């Protein structure tokens, strides 16, 4: 479920915005002051923050800065009666993605919310792709160096193994030459034997292939290099 943090101190407006967002299918957590907003944001997960500027205890610009120190990617939409160009510029400089002034058109507001949520989800997917890669029930975590292979057992790879695996995955469906592998994974100074790379590929087959003798994902291309195949 898409979760939205709504920060608005005007009670009736908070209730109206919350109701309309919930009618759109969003889960909304509403708070009325800046200190609570920062506290709740750090405790829970949100896909969007809708933020007033004029708030008690800590204004919206301060809340935005605090959120950005904690999370650089969650979309933030300012919704404020402060409508000068200077206010809008300041809000965007503090890290907001969008700025709407009150009074506002409800349909336009909901469209902007939808666009920001969609953009945020796309960023999250890309970020996850950079950290975790999944294929055919297998999983590779590039941060922890851990994999879940065909046996669903957690295995920790070496730094060189994960580096080679990442290179092949990033270049999936392409042949990667031995020279590029050696330069990228081992560096220019230390070149292992070709057999070392072959052994890594054999290990990957053991981890991920249903039948290592009949590979579906990891291939050796004679005289050229290696290839990871995945849709």
Protein backbone atom coordinates (compact mmCIF):
# COMPACT_ATOMS: atom_id res chain seq x y z
CA UNK A 1 0.00 0.00 0.00
CA UNK A 2 1.19 3.51 -0.84
CA UNK A 3 1.79 5.42 2.39
CA UNK A 4 1.60 9.21 2.60
CA UNK A 5 2.69 11.43 5.48
CA UNK A 6 0.42 14.48 5.63
CA UNK A 7 1.72 17.39 7.71
CA UNK A 8 -0.98 20.04 8.15
CA UNK A 9 -1.89 21.95 11.32
CA UNK A 10 -5.25 23.29 10.10
CA UNK A 11 -7.56 20.58 11.44
CA UNK A 12 -10.45 20.86 8.96
CA UNK A 13 -8.12 21.03 5.96
CA UNK A 14 -6.11 18.09 7.29
CA UNK A 15 -9.27 16.01 7.57
CA UNK A 16 -10.44 16.95 4.07
CA UNK A 17 -7.09 16.18 2.43
CA UNK A 18 -6.75 12.93 4.35
CA UNK A 19 -10.24 11.81 3.32
CA UNK A 20 -9.66 12.54 -0.37
CA UNK A 21 -6.30 10.77 -0.39
CA UNK A 22 -7.83 7.74 1.31
CA UNK A 23 -10.62 7.70 -1.29
CA UNK A 24 -7.84 7.36 -3.87
CA UNK A 25 -6.58 4.26 -2.07
CA UNK A 26 -3.65 5.74 -0.16
CA UNK A 27 -2.79 5.01 3.46
CA UNK A 28 -2.45 8.41 5.16
CA UNK A 29 -0.72 9.26 8.43
CA UNK A 30 -1.56 12.84 9.46
CA UNK A 31 0.26 15.01 11.99
CA UNK A 32 -0.15 18.66 12.96
CA UNK A 33 3.31 19.96 13.82
CA UNK A 34 6.84 19.83 12.51
CA UNK A 35 8.48 17.98 15.39
CA UNK A 36 5.97 15.13 15.20
CA UNK A 37 6.40 15.01 11.43
CA UNK A 38 10.15 14.38 11.66
CA UNK A 39 9.67 11.84 14.46
CA UNK A 40 7.00 9.87 12.59
CA UNK A 41 8.95 9.95 9.33
CA UNK A 42 11.99 8.37 10.99
CA UNK A 43 9.86 5.65 12.58
CA UNK A 44 7.80 4.60 9.56
CA UNK A 45 8.06 4.12 5.80
CA UNK A 46 6.41 6.60 3.42
CA UNK A 47 6.14 6.95 -0.36
CA UNK A 48 5.29 10.66 -0.27
CA UNK A 49 5.26 13.60 2.16
CA UNK A 50 2.65 16.34 1.76
CA UNK A 51 3.95 19.24 3.81
CA UNK A 52 2.60 22.62 4.92
CA UNK A 53 5.12 25.42 5.46
CA UNK A 54 3.62 27.31 8.39
CA UNK A 55 3.68 24.72 11.16
CA UNK A 56 4.02 24.96 14.95
CA UNK A 57 7.31 23.96 16.66
CA UNK A 58 9.24 23.47 13.40
CA UNK A 59 8.24 25.00 10.06
CA UNK A 60 7.90 23.04 6.85
CA UNK A 61 11.25 24.14 5.48
CA UNK A 62 12.94 22.76 8.59
CA UNK A 63 10.96 19.52 8.33
CA UNK A 64 11.98 19.17 4.69
CA UNK A 65 15.66 19.61 5.55
CA UNK A 66 15.41 17.06 8.38
CA UNK A 67 13.74 14.54 6.08
CA UNK A 68 16.36 15.05 3.40
CA UNK A 69 19.13 14.32 5.90
CA UNK A 70 17.40 11.01 6.61
CA UNK A 71 16.12 10.16 3.13
CA UNK A 72 17.25 11.77 -0.12
CA UNK A 73 14.72 10.19 -2.47
CA UNK A 74 11.21 10.23 -0.94
CA UNK A 75 9.09 12.77 -2.88
CA UNK A 76 8.05 15.89 -0.94
CA UNK A 77 5.14 18.12 -1.99
CA UNK A 78 4.76 21.51 -0.30
CA UNK A 79 1.14 22.63 0.08
CA UNK A 80 1.19 26.16 1.48
CA UNK A 81 -0.53 29.52 1.67
CA UNK A 82 2.90 31.12 1.23
CA UNK A 83 2.68 31.85 -2.47
CA UNK A 84 5.54 34.16 -3.41
CA UNK A 85 8.21 33.12 -5.87
CA UNK A 86 10.77 33.39 -3.08
CA UNK A 87 8.83 30.88 -0.96
CA UNK A 88 8.56 28.42 -3.83
CA UNK A 89 12.25 28.74 -4.68
CA UNK A 90 13.20 28.28 -1.02
CA UNK A 91 11.04 25.17 -0.75
CA UNK A 92 12.61 23.62 -3.82
CA UNK A 93 16.10 24.55 -2.63
CA UNK A 94 15.43 22.83 0.69
CA UNK A 95 14.75 19.60 -1.18
CA UNK A 96 11.06 19.56 -2.18
CA UNK A 97 10.00 18.01 -5.48
CA UNK A 98 6.90 20.16 -6.01
CA UNK A 99 5.14 23.19 -4.52
CA UNK A 100 1.41 24.01 -4.63
CA UNK A 101 -0.24 27.07 -3.14
CA UNK A 102 -3.48 27.26 -1.19
CA UNK A 103 -6.29 27.43 -2.13
CA UNK A 104 -5.72 24.62 -4.62
CA UNK A 105 -7.67 22.59 -7.13
CA UNK A 106 -8.35 19.13 -5.70
CA UNK A 107 -8.10 17.31 -9.03
CA UNK A 108 -4.77 18.96 -9.82
CA UNK A 109 -3.50 18.11 -6.33
CA UNK A 110 -4.42 14.44 -6.71
CA UNK A 111 -2.78 14.30 -10.14
CA UNK A 112 0.43 15.76 -8.73
CA UNK A 113 0.32 13.28 -5.85
CA UNK A 114 -0.09 10.41 -8.30
CA UNK A 115 2.81 11.63 -10.45
CA UNK A 116 5.14 12.05 -7.46
CA UNK A 117 4.25 8.64 -6.03
CA UNK A 118 4.87 7.01 -9.41
CA UNK A 119 8.23 8.77 -9.74
CA UNK A 120 9.20 7.75 -6.22
CA UNK A 121 8.34 4.09 -6.85
CA UNK A 122 10.46 4.15 -10.02
CA UNK A 123 13.41 5.52 -8.03
CA UNK A 124 12.93 2.83 -5.37
CA UNK A 125 12.86 0.10 -8.02
CA UNK A 126 16.07 1.38 -9.58
CA UNK A 127 17.72 1.62 -6.19
CA UNK A 128 16.67 -1.91 -5.32
CA UNK A 129 17.92 -3.11 -8.69
CA UNK A 130 21.30 -1.63 -7.86
CA UNK A 131 21.37 -3.48 -4.53
CA UNK A 132 19.44 -6.69 -5.18
CA UNK A 133 18.96 -8.64 -8.39
CA UNK A 134 16.43 -11.45 -8.75
CA UNK A 135 16.01 -13.93 -11.58
CA UNK A 136 14.00 -17.14 -11.85
CA UNK A 137 13.69 -17.53 -8.08
CA UNK A 138 17.36 -16.71 -7.44
CA UNK A 139 18.56 -13.62 -5.59
CA UNK A 140 21.85 -11.71 -5.46
CA UNK A 141 22.45 -9.03 -2.83
CA UNK A 142 25.36 -6.85 -3.91
CA UNK A 143 25.51 -5.05 -0.56
CA UNK A 144 25.82 -8.09 1.71
CA UNK A 145 27.56 -10.35 -0.87
CA UNK A 146 24.89 -12.97 -0.16
CA UNK A 147 22.92 -15.06 -2.63
CA UNK A 148 19.94 -17.37 -2.56
CA UNK A 149 20.43 -20.00 -5.22
CA UNK A 150 18.51 -22.98 -6.51
CA UNK A 151 18.66 -24.73 -3.10
CA UNK A 152 17.31 -21.62 -1.31
CA UNK A 153 20.32 -21.67 0.99
CA UNK A 154 21.98 -18.39 1.86
CA UNK A 155 25.57 -18.34 0.62
CA UNK A 156 28.11 -15.56 1.12
CA UNK A 157 30.36 -14.91 -1.86
CA UNK A 158 33.83 -13.41 -1.93
CA UNK A 159 34.42 -9.84 -3.07
CA UNK A 160 35.81 -11.03 -6.40
CA UNK A 161 32.90 -13.42 -6.98
CA UNK A 162 30.31 -10.71 -6.36
CA UNK A 163 32.22 -8.27 -8.58
CA UNK A 164 32.27 -10.74 -11.47
CA UNK A 165 28.63 -11.63 -10.92
CA UNK A 166 27.64 -7.96 -10.97
CA UNK A 167 29.58 -7.32 -14.16
CA UNK A 168 27.90 -10.23 -15.93
CA UNK A 169 24.45 -9.22 -14.67
CA UNK A 170 24.93 -5.60 -15.72
CA UNK A 171 25.98 -6.82 -19.17
CA UNK A 172 23.39 -9.60 -19.31
CA UNK A 173 22.69 -11.14 -22.71
CA UNK A 174 26.03 -9.80 -23.95
CA UNK A 175 29.36 -11.58 -24.24
CA UNK A 176 31.90 -10.05 -21.84
CA UNK A 177 35.48 -10.62 -22.93
CA UNK A 178 38.08 -12.21 -20.66
CA UNK A 179 40.17 -9.06 -20.97
CA UNK A 180 37.37 -6.85 -19.70
CA UNK A 181 36.65 -9.23 -16.82
CA UNK A 182 40.29 -9.29 -15.78
CA UNK A 183 40.64 -5.52 -15.97
CA UNK A 184 37.32 -4.78 -14.21
CA UNK A 185 37.34 -7.42 -11.49
CA UNK A 186 41.06 -7.96 -10.84
CA UNK A 187 42.51 -4.66 -12.01
CA UNK A 188 45.41 -3.96 -14.32
CA UNK A 189 48.17 -5.07 -11.98
CA UNK A 190 47.12 -8.59 -11.03
CA UNK A 191 45.96 -10.96 -13.73
CA UNK A 192 44.85 -14.42 -12.61
CA UNK A 193 44.89 -17.34 -15.01
CA UNK A 194 41.95 -17.89 -17.32
CA UNK A 195 41.26 -21.01 -15.31
CA UNK A 196 40.44 -18.86 -12.29
CA UNK A 197 37.62 -17.16 -14.18
CA UNK A 198 36.43 -20.55 -15.44
CA UNK A 199 36.25 -21.77 -11.86
CA UNK A 200 34.13 -18.78 -10.89
CA UNK A 201 31.70 -19.55 -13.72
CA UNK A 202 31.56 -23.19 -12.62
CA UNK A 203 30.76 -22.01 -9.09
CA UNK A 204 27.95 -19.77 -10.38
CA UNK A 205 26.49 -22.72 -12.24
CA UNK A 206 26.60 -24.78 -9.09
CA UNK A 207 24.80 -22.04 -7.15
CA UNK A 208 22.13 -21.14 -9.70
CA UNK A 209 21.72 -23.76 -12.43
CA UNK A 210 19.23 -26.59 -12.05
CA UNK A 211 21.71 -28.77 -13.97
CA UNK A 212 25.21 -27.24 -13.97
CA UNK A 213 26.17 -29.46 -16.93
CA UNK A 214 23.38 -27.94 -19.03
CA UNK A 215 23.55 -24.24 -18.15
CA UNK A 216 20.65 -21.87 -18.73
CA UNK A 217 22.24 -18.68 -17.41
CA UNK A 218 26.05 -18.80 -17.33
CA UNK A 219 27.88 -19.61 -20.55
CA UNK A 220 31.49 -19.77 -21.66
CA UNK A 221 32.00 -18.50 -25.20
CA UNK A 222 35.07 -20.26 -26.53
CA UNK A 223 37.90 -17.92 -27.41
CA UNK A 224 35.93 -14.80 -26.44
CA UNK A 225 34.62 -14.68 -22.89
CA UNK A 226 31.51 -15.31 -20.81
CA UNK A 227 27.83 -14.53 -20.95
CA UNK A 228 24.94 -14.31 -18.48
CA UNK A 229 21.58 -14.88 -20.14
CA UNK A 230 18.38 -13.68 -18.53
CA UNK A 231 15.12 -12.18 -19.78
